[in-house]
Amino acid sequence: MTTIVKNKKYLKNRTCPITYDSLEEIIKGENDFVIKLNCGHCFSYRGFIKAYIIDSKHVESHNRCPYCMSKINKIPIIINKYLKKS
């Protein structure tokens, strides 16, 4: 199941494979969120959404993890004033 991670003990990886930001620092901060996909890979939410938009244009990678290409379940949509600043 795809979830938003709020505790660093649930992280599978410590850095985002897309942005190379520290996921532990993102959890501590207020400007972004960490998303954990059903395959277990964790990403910066902001970086994941950008990659997801780009990947959804390709039939082979639509609704798949940008790292391992596993099928993704539903993605939580976060509407937040901090995410709009990019």
C-alpha atoms as a PDB file:
ATOM      1  CA  MET A   1       0.000   0.000   0.000  1.00  0.00           C
ATOM      2  CA  THR A   2       1.281   3.467  -0.865  1.00  0.00           C
ATOM      3  CA  THR A   3       1.558   5.713   2.204  1.00  0.00           C
ATOM      4  CA  ILE A   4       3.014   8.942   3.519  1.00  0.00           C
ATOM      5  CA  VAL A   5       5.894   8.194   5.914  1.00  0.00           C
ATOM      6  CA  LYS A   6       6.038  10.267   9.090  1.00  0.00           C
ATOM      7  CA  ASN A   7       8.605   8.230  11.033  1.00  0.00           C
ATOM      8  CA  LYS A   8      12.154   7.482   9.855  1.00  0.00           C
ATOM      9  CA  LYS A   9      12.030   3.881  11.139  1.00  0.00           C
ATOM     10  CA  TYR A  10       9.679   3.027   8.242  1.00  0.00           C
ATOM     11  CA  LEU A  11      12.119   4.171   5.548  1.00  0.00           C
ATOM     12  CA  LYS A  12      13.569   1.500   3.256  1.00  0.00           C
ATOM     13  CA  ASN A  13      16.118   3.893   1.740  1.00  0.00           C
ATOM     14  CA  ARG A  14      17.674   6.961   3.381  1.00  0.00           C
ATOM     15  CA  THR A  15      17.932   9.203   0.301  1.00  0.00           C
ATOM     16  CA  CYS A  16      15.479   9.912  -2.469  1.00  0.00           C
ATOM     17  CA  PRO A  17      16.599   8.149  -5.689  1.00  0.00           C
ATOM     18  CA  ILE A  18      15.199  11.051  -7.739  1.00  0.00           C
ATOM     19  CA  THR A  19      16.344  14.188  -5.894  1.00  0.00           C
ATOM     20  CA  TYR A  20      19.121  12.669  -3.722  1.00  0.00           C
ATOM     21  CA  ASP A  21      17.703  14.566  -0.728  1.00  0.00           C
ATOM     22  CA  SER A  22      17.885  13.015   2.742  1.00  0.00           C
ATOM     23  CA  LEU A  23      14.483  11.496   3.491  1.00  0.00           C
ATOM     24  CA  GLU A  24      15.100  11.805   7.238  1.00  0.00           C
ATOM     25  CA  GLU A  25      15.552  15.576   6.813  1.00  0.00           C
ATOM     26  CA  ILE A  26      12.353  15.777   4.738  1.00  0.00           C
ATOM     27  CA  ILE A  27      10.408  14.025   7.516  1.00  0.00           C
ATOM     28  CA  LYS A  28      11.767  16.571  10.043  1.00  0.00           C
ATOM     29  CA  GLY A  29      10.963  19.560   7.816  1.00  0.00           C
ATOM     30  CA  GLU A  30       7.708  21.155   6.726  1.00  0.00           C
ATOM     31  CA  ASN A  31       8.310  21.804   3.014  1.00  0.00           C
ATOM     32  CA  ASP A  32       7.847  18.299   1.613  1.00  0.00           C
ATOM     33  CA  PHE A  33       6.644  14.802   2.468  1.00  0.00           C
ATOM     34  CA  VAL A  34       8.029  11.286   2.038  1.00  0.00           C
ATOM     35  CA  ILE A  35       5.977   8.792   0.065  1.00  0.00           C
ATOM     36  CA  LYS A  36       6.511   5.024   0.380  1.00  0.00           C
ATOM     37  CA  LEU A  37       5.233   2.944  -2.512  1.00  0.00           C
ATOM     38  CA  ASN A  38       3.808  -0.566  -2.209  1.00  0.00           C
ATOM     39  CA  CYS A  39       7.178  -1.947  -3.469  1.00  0.00           C
ATOM     40  CA  GLY A  40       8.843  -0.359  -0.408  1.00  0.00           C
ATOM     41  CA  HIS A  41      10.846   2.377  -2.148  1.00  0.00           C
ATOM     42  CA  CYS A  42      10.643   5.825  -0.568  1.00  0.00           C
ATOM     43  CA  PHE A  43      10.785   9.157  -2.392  1.00  0.00           C
ATOM     44  CA  SER A  44      10.502  12.855  -1.774  1.00  0.00           C
ATOM     45  CA  TYR A  45       6.838  13.511  -2.598  1.00  0.00           C
ATOM     46  CA  ARG A  46       7.706  16.541  -4.706  1.00  0.00           C
ATOM     47  CA  GLY A  47      10.338  14.624  -6.690  1.00  0.00           C
ATOM     48  CA  PHE A  48       8.074  11.595  -7.085  1.00  0.00           C
ATOM     49  CA  ILE A  49       5.174  13.631  -8.489  1.00  0.00           C
ATOM     50  CA  LYS A  50       7.447  15.300 -11.063  1.00  0.00           C
ATOM     51  CA  ALA A  51       8.815  11.888 -12.133  1.00  0.00           C
ATOM     52  CA  TYR A  52       5.307  10.407 -12.157  1.00  0.00           C
ATOM     53  CA  ILE A  53       4.040  13.132 -14.498  1.00  0.00           C
ATOM     54  CA  ILE A  54       6.945  12.558 -16.883  1.00  0.00           C
ATOM     55  CA  ASP A  55       6.652   8.750 -16.719  1.00  0.00           C
ATOM     56  CA  SER A  56       2.886   8.735 -17.275  1.00  0.00           C
ATOM     57  CA  LYS A  57       3.476   9.931 -20.813  1.00  0.00           C
ATOM     58  CA  HIS A  58       5.105   6.568 -21.602  1.00  0.00           C
ATOM     59  CA  VAL A  59       2.895   3.485 -21.823  1.00  0.00           C
ATOM     60  CA  GLU A  60       5.572   1.158 -20.422  1.00  0.00           C
ATOM     61  CA  SER A  61       6.198   3.181 -17.258  1.00  0.00           C
ATOM     62  CA  HIS A  62       2.681   4.471 -16.489  1.00  0.00           C
ATOM     63  CA  ASN A  63       1.681   3.730 -12.860  1.00  0.00           C
ATOM     64  CA  ARG A  64       5.053   2.188 -11.997  1.00  0.00           C
ATOM     65  CA  CYS A  65       7.764   2.858  -9.419  1.00  0.00           C
ATOM     66  CA  PRO A  66      10.426   5.084 -11.024  1.00  0.00           C
ATOM     67  CA  TYR A  67      13.143   2.979  -9.380  1.00  0.00           C
ATOM     68  CA  CYS A  68      12.152  -0.687  -9.816  1.00  0.00           C
ATOM     69  CA  MET A  69       9.204  -0.395 -12.243  1.00  0.00           C
ATOM     70  CA  SER A  70       6.825  -2.301  -9.917  1.00  0.00           C
ATOM     71  CA  LYS A  71       3.133  -1.567 -10.359  1.00  0.00           C
ATOM     72  CA  ILE A  72       1.944   1.284  -8.090  1.00  0.00           C
ATOM     73  CA  ASN A  73      -1.307   1.219  -6.158  1.00  0.00           C
ATOM     74  CA  LYS A  74      -3.259   4.424  -5.566  1.00  0.00           C
ATOM     75  CA  ILE A  75      -1.140   7.511  -4.931  1.00  0.00           C
ATOM     76  CA  PRO A  76      -2.178   9.880  -2.129  1.00  0.00           C
ATOM     77  CA  ILE A  77      -2.670  13.421  -3.371  1.00  0.00           C
ATOM     78  CA  ILE A  78      -1.412  16.105  -1.007  1.00  0.00           C
ATOM     79  CA  ILE A  79      -2.695  19.625  -1.420  1.00  0.00           C
ATOM     80  CA  ASN A  80      -0.408  21.812   0.605  1.00  0.00           C
ATOM     81  CA  LYS A  81       0.654  25.443   0.290  1.00  0.00           C
ATOM     82  CA  TYR A  82       4.329  24.433   0.671  1.00  0.00           C
ATOM     83  CA  LEU A  83       4.223  22.086  -2.318  1.00  0.00           C
ATOM     84  CA  LYS A  84       2.893  24.836  -4.583  1.00  0.00           C
ATOM     85  CA  LYS A  85       6.138  26.849  -4.288  1.00  0.00           C
ATOM     86  CA  SER A  86       8.152  24.779  -6.790  1.00  0.00           C
END
